Amino acid sequence: MKAFFLIVSKIPANAMALYPFILLKNKHQKNDPILVNHERIHLRQQVELLILPFYLLYLLNYLINLIRYRNHSRAYFNIAFEKEAYACDQKPNYLKTRKFFAWVNYL
């Protein structure tokens, strides 16, 4: 899957996947294979959920976690999509072997 990089220095995160773009704070991040793989995992998640439902489920999962943990950081790191991406972003070939809807295993 081809990703298009955009440099957006004012994004609220280090990087972000907004299909079909990967937003980065600076151009040097394109050379970070773990960061890029992490965001490509999110792009795959977005495609398999037909884009918009991904964002709705992501937000819903975050809000439920925020109620559960009462802490932004814990809520974010316990989003199923993030759990999959963080668990697999150091595996360069992960997307070649990833099963469809693999994020469900992280609920």
Protein backbone atom coordinates (compact mmCIF):
# COMPACT_ATOMS: atom_id res chain seq x y z
CA MET A 1 0.00 0.00 0.00
CA LYS A 2 1.46 3.32 -1.06
CA ALA A 3 1.50 5.96 1.65
CA PHE A 4 1.75 9.64 0.92
CA PHE A 5 3.74 11.66 3.43
CA LEU A 6 2.74 15.15 4.47
CA ILE A 7 4.82 17.30 6.80
CA VAL A 8 2.52 19.07 9.27
CA SER A 9 4.58 20.52 12.09
CA LYS A 10 1.55 21.45 14.21
CA ILE A 11 -0.16 18.06 14.45
CA PRO A 12 -1.02 17.15 18.06
CA ALA A 13 0.86 13.83 17.86
CA ASN A 14 4.30 12.74 16.72
CA ALA A 15 2.71 11.28 13.57
CA MET A 16 -0.78 10.42 12.34
CA ALA A 17 -2.36 8.24 9.71
CA LEU A 18 -5.27 9.87 7.91
CA TYR A 19 -5.98 7.72 4.88
CA PRO A 20 -4.22 7.90 2.44
CA PHE A 21 -1.70 10.16 4.18
CA ILE A 22 0.85 9.76 6.91
CA LEU A 23 1.27 13.11 8.64
CA LEU A 24 4.67 13.76 10.17
CA LYS A 25 6.03 16.60 12.29
CA ASN A 26 9.24 16.74 10.25
CA LYS A 27 10.69 15.25 7.07
CA HIS A 28 13.32 13.22 8.93
CA GLN A 29 10.62 10.98 10.39
CA LYS A 30 10.21 9.38 6.94
CA ASN A 31 13.47 7.57 7.72
CA ASP A 32 12.16 6.05 10.97
CA PRO A 33 11.10 2.52 9.95
CA ILE A 34 9.26 1.80 13.21
CA LEU A 35 7.24 5.01 13.10
CA VAL A 36 6.39 4.55 9.42
CA ASN A 37 5.41 0.90 9.97
CA HIS A 38 3.23 1.91 12.92
CA GLU A 39 1.37 4.42 10.77
CA ARG A 40 1.07 1.97 7.86
CA ILE A 41 -0.58 -0.50 10.23
CA HIS A 42 -3.15 2.21 10.97
CA LEU A 43 -3.66 2.80 7.24
CA ARG A 44 -4.41 -0.92 6.79
CA GLN A 45 -6.86 -0.81 9.71
CA GLN A 46 -8.57 2.18 8.13
CA VAL A 47 -8.90 0.49 4.74
CA GLU A 48 -10.35 -2.72 6.12
CA LEU A 49 -12.98 -0.74 8.04
CA LEU A 50 -13.77 1.43 4.99
CA ILE A 51 -12.17 4.55 6.54
CA LEU A 52 -14.99 6.33 8.40
CA PRO A 53 -16.00 3.43 10.69
CA PHE A 54 -12.34 3.21 11.76
CA TYR A 55 -12.44 6.77 13.10
CA LEU A 56 -15.76 6.17 14.85
CA LEU A 57 -14.54 2.95 16.48
CA TYR A 58 -11.22 4.57 17.40
CA LEU A 59 -13.01 7.46 19.13
CA LEU A 60 -15.52 5.15 20.84
CA ASN A 61 -12.73 2.87 22.09
CA TYR A 62 -10.83 5.92 23.39
CA LEU A 63 -13.88 7.35 25.19
CA ILE A 64 -14.69 4.01 26.83
CA ASN A 65 -11.06 3.72 27.92
CA LEU A 66 -11.09 7.28 29.24
CA ILE A 67 -14.08 6.45 31.44
CA ARG A 68 -12.44 3.18 32.50
CA TYR A 69 -8.95 4.54 33.25
CA ARG A 70 -9.65 8.25 33.90
CA ASN A 71 -6.31 9.01 32.29
CA HIS A 72 -5.63 10.17 28.71
CA SER A 73 -2.37 8.26 28.28
CA ARG A 74 -3.77 4.94 29.56
CA ALA A 75 -6.92 5.43 27.49
CA TYR A 76 -4.87 6.06 24.34
CA PHE A 77 -2.45 3.15 24.81
CA ASN A 78 -5.38 0.78 25.42
CA ILE A 79 -7.18 1.57 22.15
CA ALA A 80 -7.27 -1.76 20.29
CA PHE A 81 -5.89 -0.18 17.10
CA GLU A 82 -2.95 1.32 18.99
CA LYS A 83 -2.28 -1.92 20.84
CA GLU A 84 -1.92 -3.77 17.55
CA ALA A 85 0.24 -1.05 16.00
CA TYR A 86 2.58 -0.80 18.99
CA ALA A 87 2.81 -4.59 19.35
CA CYS A 88 3.79 -5.03 15.70
CA ASP A 89 5.51 -1.83 14.55
CA GLN A 90 8.97 -3.34 15.06
CA LYS A 91 8.16 -6.23 12.70
CA PRO A 92 9.09 -4.96 9.22
CA ASN A 93 7.17 -7.72 7.41
CA TYR A 94 4.09 -7.62 9.62
CA LEU A 95 1.77 -6.19 7.00
CA LYS A 96 2.71 -8.97 4.58
CA THR A 97 1.45 -11.64 7.00
CA ARG A 98 -1.18 -9.71 8.95
CA LYS A 99 -4.58 -11.34 9.07
CA PHE A 100 -7.69 -9.37 8.17
CA PHE A 101 -9.17 -7.57 11.20
CA ALA A 102 -6.18 -8.51 13.37
CA TRP A 103 -6.91 -5.52 15.63
CA VAL A 104 -9.92 -7.43 17.06
CA ASN A 105 -7.45 -9.63 18.95
CA TYR A 106 -6.44 -6.56 20.97
CA LEU A 107 -9.92 -5.71 22.31
